[in-house]
Protein backbone atom coordinates (compact mmCIF):
# COMPACT_ATOMS: atom_id res chain seq x y z
CA UNK A 1 3.28 -26.60 7.36
CA UNK A 2 2.00 -27.33 3.76
CA UNK A 3 3.85 -26.87 0.34
CA UNK A 4 0.97 -25.85 -0.61
CA UNK A 5 -0.03 -22.33 1.31
CA UNK A 6 -0.37 -19.58 -1.00
CA UNK A 7 -1.30 -17.12 2.53
CA UNK A 8 2.04 -16.45 3.14
CA UNK A 9 3.60 -16.71 -0.35
CA UNK A 10 1.37 -14.54 -1.21
CA UNK A 11 2.12 -11.60 1.67
CA UNK A 12 5.56 -12.07 1.76
CA UNK A 13 6.06 -11.17 -2.50
CA UNK A 14 3.28 -8.42 -1.40
CA UNK A 15 4.92 -6.98 0.92
CA UNK A 16 8.69 -6.76 -0.75
CA UNK A 17 6.06 -5.23 -3.30
CA UNK A 18 5.25 -3.30 -0.77
CA UNK A 19 8.70 -1.28 0.15
CA UNK A 20 9.69 -0.80 -2.91
CA UNK A 21 6.16 1.12 -4.26
CA UNK A 22 7.64 2.70 -0.24
CA UNK A 23 10.61 3.65 -0.23
CA UNK A 24 10.39 4.85 -4.13
CA UNK A 25 7.71 7.97 -3.05
CA UNK A 26 9.33 8.38 -0.21
CA UNK A 27 12.57 9.43 -1.93
CA UNK A 28 12.15 8.80 -5.94
CA UNK A 29 9.20 11.19 -5.95
CA UNK A 30 8.01 11.41 -8.88
CA UNK A 31 7.63 15.26 -10.07
CA UNK A 32 5.30 16.44 -10.83
CA UNK A 33 3.72 17.72 -14.51
CA UNK A 34 0.69 19.46 -15.16
CA UNK A 35 0.18 16.29 -17.46
CA UNK A 36 -0.12 13.88 -14.21
CA UNK A 37 -3.46 15.71 -13.34
CA UNK A 38 -5.12 14.01 -14.86
CA UNK A 39 -3.47 10.49 -13.72
CA UNK A 40 -3.83 11.34 -10.36
CA UNK A 41 -6.10 9.04 -7.64
CA UNK A 42 -7.90 11.90 -6.33
CA UNK A 43 -8.98 15.30 -7.25
CA UNK A 44 -6.85 16.79 -4.14
CA UNK A 45 -3.76 15.29 -4.96
CA UNK A 46 -3.32 16.68 -8.05
CA UNK A 47 -3.55 20.21 -7.40
CA UNK A 48 -0.61 21.61 -6.01
CA UNK A 49 3.56 20.76 -6.32
CA UNK A 50 2.77 20.77 -2.53
CA UNK A 51 -0.14 18.30 -3.00
CA UNK A 52 1.18 15.63 -5.06
CA UNK A 53 4.49 15.18 -3.13
CA UNK A 54 3.27 15.02 0.93
CA UNK A 55 0.27 13.09 -0.87
CA UNK A 56 3.58 11.04 -2.43
CA UNK A 57 5.93 11.11 1.19
CA UNK A 58 2.29 10.74 3.26
CA UNK A 59 1.99 6.53 1.82
CA UNK A 60 5.16 5.84 0.88
CA UNK A 61 4.83 5.86 5.03
CA UNK A 62 2.91 3.85 5.12
CA UNK A 63 3.61 1.83 2.25
CA UNK A 64 6.93 0.58 4.98
CA UNK A 65 4.64 0.25 6.91
CA UNK A 66 1.98 -2.36 5.73
CA UNK A 67 4.86 -3.81 4.14
CA UNK A 68 6.03 -4.83 8.18
CA UNK A 69 2.29 -5.54 9.52
CA UNK A 70 2.20 -8.95 5.94
CA UNK A 71 5.46 -10.36 6.33
CA UNK A 72 4.56 -10.35 9.85
CA UNK A 73 1.08 -11.87 9.29
CA UNK A 74 3.20 -14.03 5.98
CA UNK A 75 5.10 -15.52 8.86
CA UNK A 76 2.54 -16.51 11.09
CA UNK A 77 0.85 -17.64 7.71
CA UNK A 78 3.44 -21.08 7.60
CA UNK A 79 2.22 -22.36 10.70
CA UNK A 80 -1.51 -21.39 9.83
CA UNK A 81 -2.91 -23.55 6.91
CA UNK A 82 -5.65 -22.62 5.28
CA UNK A 83 -5.95 -24.64 2.66
CA UNK A 84 -5.04 -24.04 -0.90
CA UNK A 85 -8.29 -21.46 -1.21
CA UNK A 86 -9.49 -20.80 1.79
CA UNK A 87 -5.28 -19.13 2.15
CA UNK A 88 -5.31 -17.04 -1.70
CA UNK A 89 -9.37 -14.88 -0.13
CA UNK A 90 -7.56 -14.67 3.27
CA UNK A 91 -4.82 -12.80 1.18
CA UNK A 92 -6.24 -11.08 -1.10
CA UNK A 93 -8.96 -9.43 0.94
CA UNK A 94 -6.39 -8.43 3.46
CA UNK A 95 -4.44 -6.56 0.56
CA UNK A 96 -7.06 -5.16 -1.03
CA UNK A 97 -8.54 -3.98 2.66
CA UNK A 98 -4.50 -2.04 3.55
CA UNK A 99 -4.54 -0.60 0.08
CA UNK A 100 -8.07 0.96 0.36
CA UNK A 101 -7.04 2.01 3.85
CA UNK A 102 -4.14 3.14 2.73
CA UNK A 103 -5.63 5.40 0.27
CA UNK A 104 -8.62 6.93 2.48
CA UNK A 105 -6.06 7.69 5.12
CA UNK A 106 -4.10 9.74 2.30
CA UNK A 107 -7.04 11.68 1.42
CA UNK A 108 -8.14 12.21 4.89
CA UNK A 109 -4.83 13.72 5.46
CA UNK A 110 -4.59 15.60 2.49
CA UNK A 111 -8.07 17.41 3.68
CA UNK A 112 -6.72 17.30 7.32
CA UNK A 113 -3.60 19.56 5.56
CA UNK A 114 -4.81 21.44 2.85
CA UNK A 115 -8.43 21.40 3.36
CA UNK A 116 -11.35 21.01 0.65
């Protein structure tokens, strides 16, 4: 194990952040307001308070699941040394793909539940 392996460090820190985001979305969902419509991530999320609450609760669950995956990959990363640059690139790629998948799943769930 090398002390300069960024892969597990990036994934563990990101997993902690994902747990916080997931918990906030599940337990402390921001209140819906017409002012938020311009700041939503999609045109479906800001349509009504029901859409808003559903998207935050669903994404909260997905963020918590993703955090578990990140913890597991970070633990494995302690035993595999990718090198400084490759470890960084792989960790950031995993995060980017994971967050993109969460966003797509939330969009699809909104369209499936409420229609277009």
